[in-house]
Amino acid sequence: MQNLYKVGFGGGCHWCTEAVFMSLRGVTKVAQGFISPKENIEDFSEAVIVHFYPDIIALEDLVAIHLDTHRSTQNHSMRNKYRSGIYFFEKKEEFVLAEIMRELQKDFDEPIITSIIPFGAFTSSQEQFQNYYFSDTEKPFCKTHISPKIKFLKEKYAKHVVIK
């Protein structure tokens, strides 16, 4: 088996993002919390760090899933709290992510606003919010906001999903 890699994703509520990535084969850990970019270490927004095996799920698939499960083409008033970004940990990943984004843009009618950002810092969410969706899928927020994303994930990315 290959080495374990990691990448950060932000764009919507981290409860939603956490549930999406926890549902995937090859993902071993999803750390939910707040990420800031390297250039502005105090500018945290909701995000997750996804630890994965690329021989099981490719980075390209993770990026495609991320773009498809949040508003990756829309700016809105909450973009500071919900920055649409992909955070890389090593400089060489920046070029790879840019190539993936160029390819995936073909699948969207509008320009993707998701930024490729050097990782700065991470602060974990409070324990009570960890594994938010899977701890109780019947919570109103889960039923309204997260369950539709999981349903979409099962439909479009079924080969990558581990939950039934």
C-alpha atoms as a PDB file:
ATOM      1  CA  MET A   1       0.000   0.000   0.000  1.00  0.00           C
ATOM      2  CA  GLN A   2       1.167   3.518  -0.776  1.00  0.00           C
ATOM      3  CA  ASN A   3       1.895   6.203   1.727  1.00  0.00           C
ATOM      4  CA  LEU A   4      -0.906   8.064   3.435  1.00  0.00           C
ATOM      5  CA  TYR A   5      -1.450  11.573   2.022  1.00  0.00           C
ATOM      6  CA  LYS A   6      -3.433  14.514   3.277  1.00  0.00           C
ATOM      7  CA  VAL A   7      -5.239  17.474   1.763  1.00  0.00           C
ATOM      8  CA  GLY A   8      -7.469  20.172   3.228  1.00  0.00           C
ATOM      9  CA  PHE A   9     -10.918  21.100   1.924  1.00  0.00           C
ATOM     10  CA  GLY A  10     -13.119  24.040   2.812  1.00  0.00           C
ATOM     11  CA  GLY A  11     -16.198  25.443   1.172  1.00  0.00           C
ATOM     12  CA  GLY A  12     -19.273  24.850   3.223  1.00  0.00           C
ATOM     13  CA  CYS A  13     -20.146  23.839   6.716  1.00  0.00           C
ATOM     14  CA  HIS A  14     -17.433  21.567   8.095  1.00  0.00           C
ATOM     15  CA  TRP A  15     -20.096  19.217   9.461  1.00  0.00           C
ATOM     16  CA  CYS A  16     -21.220  18.609   5.881  1.00  0.00           C
ATOM     17  CA  THR A  17     -17.698  18.379   4.491  1.00  0.00           C
ATOM     18  CA  GLU A  18     -16.652  15.969   7.236  1.00  0.00           C
ATOM     19  CA  ALA A  19     -19.588  13.628   6.511  1.00  0.00           C
ATOM     20  CA  VAL A  20     -18.911  13.599   2.763  1.00  0.00           C
ATOM     21  CA  PHE A  21     -15.265  12.605   3.135  1.00  0.00           C
ATOM     22  CA  MET A  22     -15.907  10.165   6.010  1.00  0.00           C
ATOM     23  CA  SER A  23     -18.143   8.285   3.569  1.00  0.00           C
ATOM     24  CA  LEU A  24     -15.338   7.440   1.124  1.00  0.00           C
ATOM     25  CA  ARG A  25     -13.186   4.357   0.580  1.00  0.00           C
ATOM     26  CA  GLY A  26      -9.500   5.067   1.067  1.00  0.00           C
ATOM     27  CA  VAL A  27     -10.089   7.913   3.515  1.00  0.00           C
ATOM     28  CA  THR A  28      -8.682   6.928   6.894  1.00  0.00           C
ATOM     29  CA  LYS A  29      -9.291  10.103   8.890  1.00  0.00           C
ATOM     30  CA  VAL A  30     -11.157  13.380   8.547  1.00  0.00           C
ATOM     31  CA  ALA A  31     -10.120  16.118  10.970  1.00  0.00           C
ATOM     32  CA  GLN A  32     -12.904  18.682  11.277  1.00  0.00           C
ATOM     33  CA  GLY A  33     -12.152  22.231  12.298  1.00  0.00           C
ATOM     34  CA  PHE A  34     -10.787  25.490  10.984  1.00  0.00           C
ATOM     35  CA  ILE A  35      -7.915  26.056   8.543  1.00  0.00           C
ATOM     36  CA  SER A  36      -6.018  29.240   7.798  1.00  0.00           C
ATOM     37  CA  PRO A  37      -3.817  29.950   4.792  1.00  0.00           C
ATOM     38  CA  LYS A  38      -0.063  30.227   5.240  1.00  0.00           C
ATOM     39  CA  GLU A  39      -0.048  33.888   4.146  1.00  0.00           C
ATOM     40  CA  ASN A  40      -2.711  34.949   6.647  1.00  0.00           C
ATOM     41  CA  ILE A  41      -2.422  32.655   9.643  1.00  0.00           C
ATOM     42  CA  GLU A  42      -5.210  34.416  11.595  1.00  0.00           C
ATOM     43  CA  ASP A  43      -7.813  34.028   8.809  1.00  0.00           C
ATOM     44  CA  PHE A  44      -9.464  30.735   9.790  1.00  0.00           C
ATOM     45  CA  SER A  45     -12.501  29.280   8.009  1.00  0.00           C
ATOM     46  CA  GLU A  46     -14.411  26.021   8.400  1.00  0.00           C
ATOM     47  CA  ALA A  47     -12.633  23.110   6.743  1.00  0.00           C
ATOM     48  CA  VAL A  48     -11.411  19.529   7.096  1.00  0.00           C
ATOM     49  CA  ILE A  49      -8.127  17.726   6.643  1.00  0.00           C
ATOM     50  CA  VAL A  50      -8.599  14.467   4.758  1.00  0.00           C
ATOM     51  CA  HIS A  51      -6.048  11.666   5.223  1.00  0.00           C
ATOM     52  CA  PHE A  52      -6.242   9.181   2.336  1.00  0.00           C
ATOM     53  CA  TYR A  53      -4.547   6.419   0.378  1.00  0.00           C
ATOM     54  CA  PRO A  54      -4.203   7.525  -3.264  1.00  0.00           C
ATOM     55  CA  ASP A  55      -4.027   3.914  -4.454  1.00  0.00           C
ATOM     56  CA  ILE A  56      -7.619   3.519  -3.198  1.00  0.00           C
ATOM     57  CA  ILE A  57      -9.043   6.963  -4.002  1.00  0.00           C
ATOM     58  CA  ALA A  58      -7.218   9.413  -6.252  1.00  0.00           C
ATOM     59  CA  LEU A  59      -6.690  13.050  -5.385  1.00  0.00           C
ATOM     60  CA  GLU A  60      -8.567  13.880  -8.603  1.00  0.00           C
ATOM     61  CA  ASP A  61     -11.631  12.068  -7.283  1.00  0.00           C
ATOM     62  CA  LEU A  62     -11.431  13.822  -3.916  1.00  0.00           C
ATOM     63  CA  VAL A  63     -11.224  17.224  -5.618  1.00  0.00           C
ATOM     64  CA  ALA A  64     -14.139  16.393  -7.950  1.00  0.00           C
ATOM     65  CA  ILE A  65     -16.240  15.272  -4.977  1.00  0.00           C
ATOM     66  CA  HIS A  66     -15.345  18.433  -3.091  1.00  0.00           C
ATOM     67  CA  LEU A  67     -16.316  20.682  -6.000  1.00  0.00           C
ATOM     68  CA  ASP A  68     -19.589  18.810  -6.491  1.00  0.00           C
ATOM     69  CA  THR A  69     -20.657  18.863  -2.835  1.00  0.00           C
ATOM     70  CA  HIS A  70     -20.439  22.576  -2.080  1.00  0.00           C
ATOM     71  CA  ARG A  71     -21.112  25.791  -3.997  1.00  0.00           C
ATOM     72  CA  SER A  72     -17.772  25.837  -5.772  1.00  0.00           C
ATOM     73  CA  THR A  73     -18.906  28.342  -8.415  1.00  0.00           C
ATOM     74  CA  GLN A  74     -20.716  30.833  -6.181  1.00  0.00           C
ATOM     75  CA  ASN A  75     -19.518  33.687  -4.042  1.00  0.00           C
ATOM     76  CA  HIS A  76     -21.875  34.619  -1.238  1.00  0.00           C
ATOM     77  CA  SER A  77     -21.934  36.648   1.955  1.00  0.00           C
ATOM     78  CA  MET A  78     -20.621  33.744   4.088  1.00  0.00           C
ATOM     79  CA  ARG A  79     -17.486  33.060   1.991  1.00  0.00           C
ATOM     80  CA  ASN A  80     -15.178  34.289   4.743  1.00  0.00           C
ATOM     81  CA  LYS A  81     -16.519  31.676   7.169  1.00  0.00           C
ATOM     82  CA  TYR A  82     -16.906  29.108   4.377  1.00  0.00           C
ATOM     83  CA  ARG A  83     -13.884  29.810   2.163  1.00  0.00           C
ATOM     84  CA  SER A  84     -13.958  27.638  -0.958  1.00  0.00           C
ATOM     85  CA  GLY A  85     -10.475  26.225  -0.936  1.00  0.00           C
ATOM     86  CA  ILE A  86      -8.181  23.263  -1.311  1.00  0.00           C
ATOM     87  CA  TYR A  87      -5.224  23.405   1.073  1.00  0.00           C
ATOM     88  CA  PHE A  88      -1.923  21.807   0.103  1.00  0.00           C
ATOM     89  CA  PHE A  89       0.874  20.821   2.467  1.00  0.00           C
ATOM     90  CA  GLU A  90       3.818  20.558   0.041  1.00  0.00           C
ATOM     91  CA  LYS A  91       4.680  23.080  -2.688  1.00  0.00           C
ATOM     92  CA  LYS A  92       4.777  20.383  -5.400  1.00  0.00           C
ATOM     93  CA  GLU A  93       1.069  19.667  -4.750  1.00  0.00           C
ATOM     94  CA  GLU A  94       0.095  23.175  -5.890  1.00  0.00           C
ATOM     95  CA  PHE A  95       0.842  22.425  -9.563  1.00  0.00           C
ATOM     96  CA  VAL A  96      -0.906  19.040  -9.407  1.00  0.00           C
ATOM     97  CA  LEU A  97      -4.016  20.622  -7.895  1.00  0.00           C
ATOM     98  CA  ALA A  98      -3.997  23.413 -10.500  1.00  0.00           C
ATOM     99  CA  GLU A  99      -3.934  20.808 -13.291  1.00  0.00           C
ATOM    100  CA  ILE A 100      -6.789  18.865 -11.675  1.00  0.00           C
ATOM    101  CA  MET A 101      -8.841  22.058 -11.344  1.00  0.00           C
ATOM    102  CA  ARG A 102      -8.227  22.988 -14.997  1.00  0.00           C
ATOM    103  CA  GLU A 103      -9.480  19.566 -16.073  1.00  0.00           C
ATOM    104  CA  LEU A 104     -12.522  19.647 -13.801  1.00  0.00           C
ATOM    105  CA  GLN A 105     -13.526  23.148 -14.921  1.00  0.00           C
ATOM    106  CA  LYS A 106     -14.786  21.481 -18.132  1.00  0.00           C
ATOM    107  CA  ASP A 107     -17.545  19.849 -16.056  1.00  0.00           C
ATOM    108  CA  PHE A 108     -18.930  23.211 -14.861  1.00  0.00           C
ATOM    109  CA  ASP A 109     -20.869  25.864 -16.774  1.00  0.00           C
ATOM    110  CA  GLU A 110     -19.670  28.663 -14.485  1.00  0.00           C
ATOM    111  CA  PRO A 111     -16.100  29.409 -13.386  1.00  0.00           C
ATOM    112  CA  ILE A 112     -14.956  27.535 -10.279  1.00  0.00           C
ATOM    113  CA  ILE A 113     -14.078  30.007  -7.505  1.00  0.00           C
ATOM    114  CA  THR A 114     -12.295  27.445  -5.315  1.00  0.00           C
ATOM    115  CA  SER A 115      -8.765  28.578  -4.493  1.00  0.00           C
ATOM    116  CA  ILE A 116      -5.661  26.436  -4.148  1.00  0.00           C
ATOM    117  CA  ILE A 117      -4.106  27.611  -0.905  1.00  0.00           C
ATOM    118  CA  PRO A 118      -0.907  26.776   1.004  1.00  0.00           C
ATOM    119  CA  PHE A 119      -1.855  25.307   4.384  1.00  0.00           C
ATOM    120  CA  GLY A 120      -1.113  27.546   7.341  1.00  0.00           C
ATOM    121  CA  ALA A 121      -2.663  26.242  10.550  1.00  0.00           C
ATOM    122  CA  PHE A 122      -5.448  24.011  11.830  1.00  0.00           C
ATOM    123  CA  THR A 123      -7.628  24.238  14.913  1.00  0.00           C
ATOM    124  CA  SER A 124      -9.899  21.310  15.693  1.00  0.00           C
ATOM    125  CA  SER A 125     -13.618  21.728  16.303  1.00  0.00           C
ATOM    126  CA  GLN A 126     -14.934  21.077  19.779  1.00  0.00           C
ATOM    127  CA  GLU A 127     -15.367  17.389  20.598  1.00  0.00           C
ATOM    128  CA  GLN A 128     -19.172  17.680  20.649  1.00  0.00           C
ATOM    129  CA  PHE A 129     -19.147  18.598  16.943  1.00  0.00           C
ATOM    130  CA  GLN A 130     -16.809  15.823  15.778  1.00  0.00           C
ATOM    131  CA  ASN A 131     -18.465  13.106  13.669  1.00  0.00           C
ATOM    132  CA  TYR A 132     -21.520  15.353  13.697  1.00  0.00           C
ATOM    133  CA  TYR A 133     -23.544  13.601  11.008  1.00  0.00           C
ATOM    134  CA  PHE A 134     -22.863   9.968  11.825  1.00  0.00           C
ATOM    135  CA  SER A 135     -23.419  10.471  15.558  1.00  0.00           C
ATOM    136  CA  ASP A 136     -27.105  11.231  14.836  1.00  0.00           C
ATOM    137  CA  THR A 137     -28.295  11.406  11.233  1.00  0.00           C
ATOM    138  CA  GLU A 138     -31.815  12.305  12.408  1.00  0.00           C
ATOM    139  CA  LYS A 139     -30.875  15.774  13.706  1.00  0.00           C
ATOM    140  CA  PRO A 140     -32.799  18.426  11.730  1.00  0.00           C
ATOM    141  CA  PHE A 141     -29.609  20.004  10.337  1.00  0.00           C
ATOM    142  CA  CYS A 142     -28.377  16.601   9.189  1.00  0.00           C
ATOM    143  CA  LYS A 143     -31.655  15.713   7.481  1.00  0.00           C
ATOM    144  CA  THR A 144     -31.922  19.106   5.783  1.00  0.00           C
ATOM    145  CA  HIS A 145     -28.332  19.815   4.762  1.00  0.00           C
ATOM    146  CA  ILE A 146     -26.089  16.746   5.014  1.00  0.00           C
ATOM    147  CA  SER A 147     -28.334  13.829   4.009  1.00  0.00           C
ATOM    148  CA  PRO A 148     -28.976  15.318   0.525  1.00  0.00           C
ATOM    149  CA  LYS A 149     -25.192  15.542  -0.009  1.00  0.00           C
ATOM    150  CA  ILE A 150     -24.740  11.920   1.065  1.00  0.00           C
ATOM    151  CA  LYS A 151     -27.570  10.871  -1.274  1.00  0.00           C
ATOM    152  CA  PHE A 152     -25.901  12.749  -4.154  1.00  0.00           C
ATOM    153  CA  LEU A 153     -22.562  11.173  -3.270  1.00  0.00           C
ATOM    154  CA  LYS A 154     -24.076   7.680  -3.384  1.00  0.00           C
ATOM    155  CA  GLU A 155     -25.610   8.421  -6.784  1.00  0.00           C
ATOM    156  CA  LYS A 156     -22.711  10.109  -8.587  1.00  0.00           C
ATOM    157  CA  TYR A 157     -19.706   8.571  -6.804  1.00  0.00           C
ATOM    158  CA  ALA A 158     -21.095   5.176  -5.747  1.00  0.00           C
ATOM    159  CA  LYS A 159     -17.851   3.297  -6.410  1.00  0.00           C
ATOM    160  CA  HIS A 160     -16.080   5.434  -3.793  1.00  0.00           C
ATOM    161  CA  VAL A 161     -18.767   5.331  -1.078  1.00  0.00           C
ATOM    162  CA  VAL A 162     -18.440   2.911   1.863  1.00  0.00           C
ATOM    163  CA  ILE A 163     -21.816   3.553   3.543  1.00  0.00           C
ATOM    164  CA  LYS A 164     -25.024   1.957   2.316  1.00  0.00           C
END
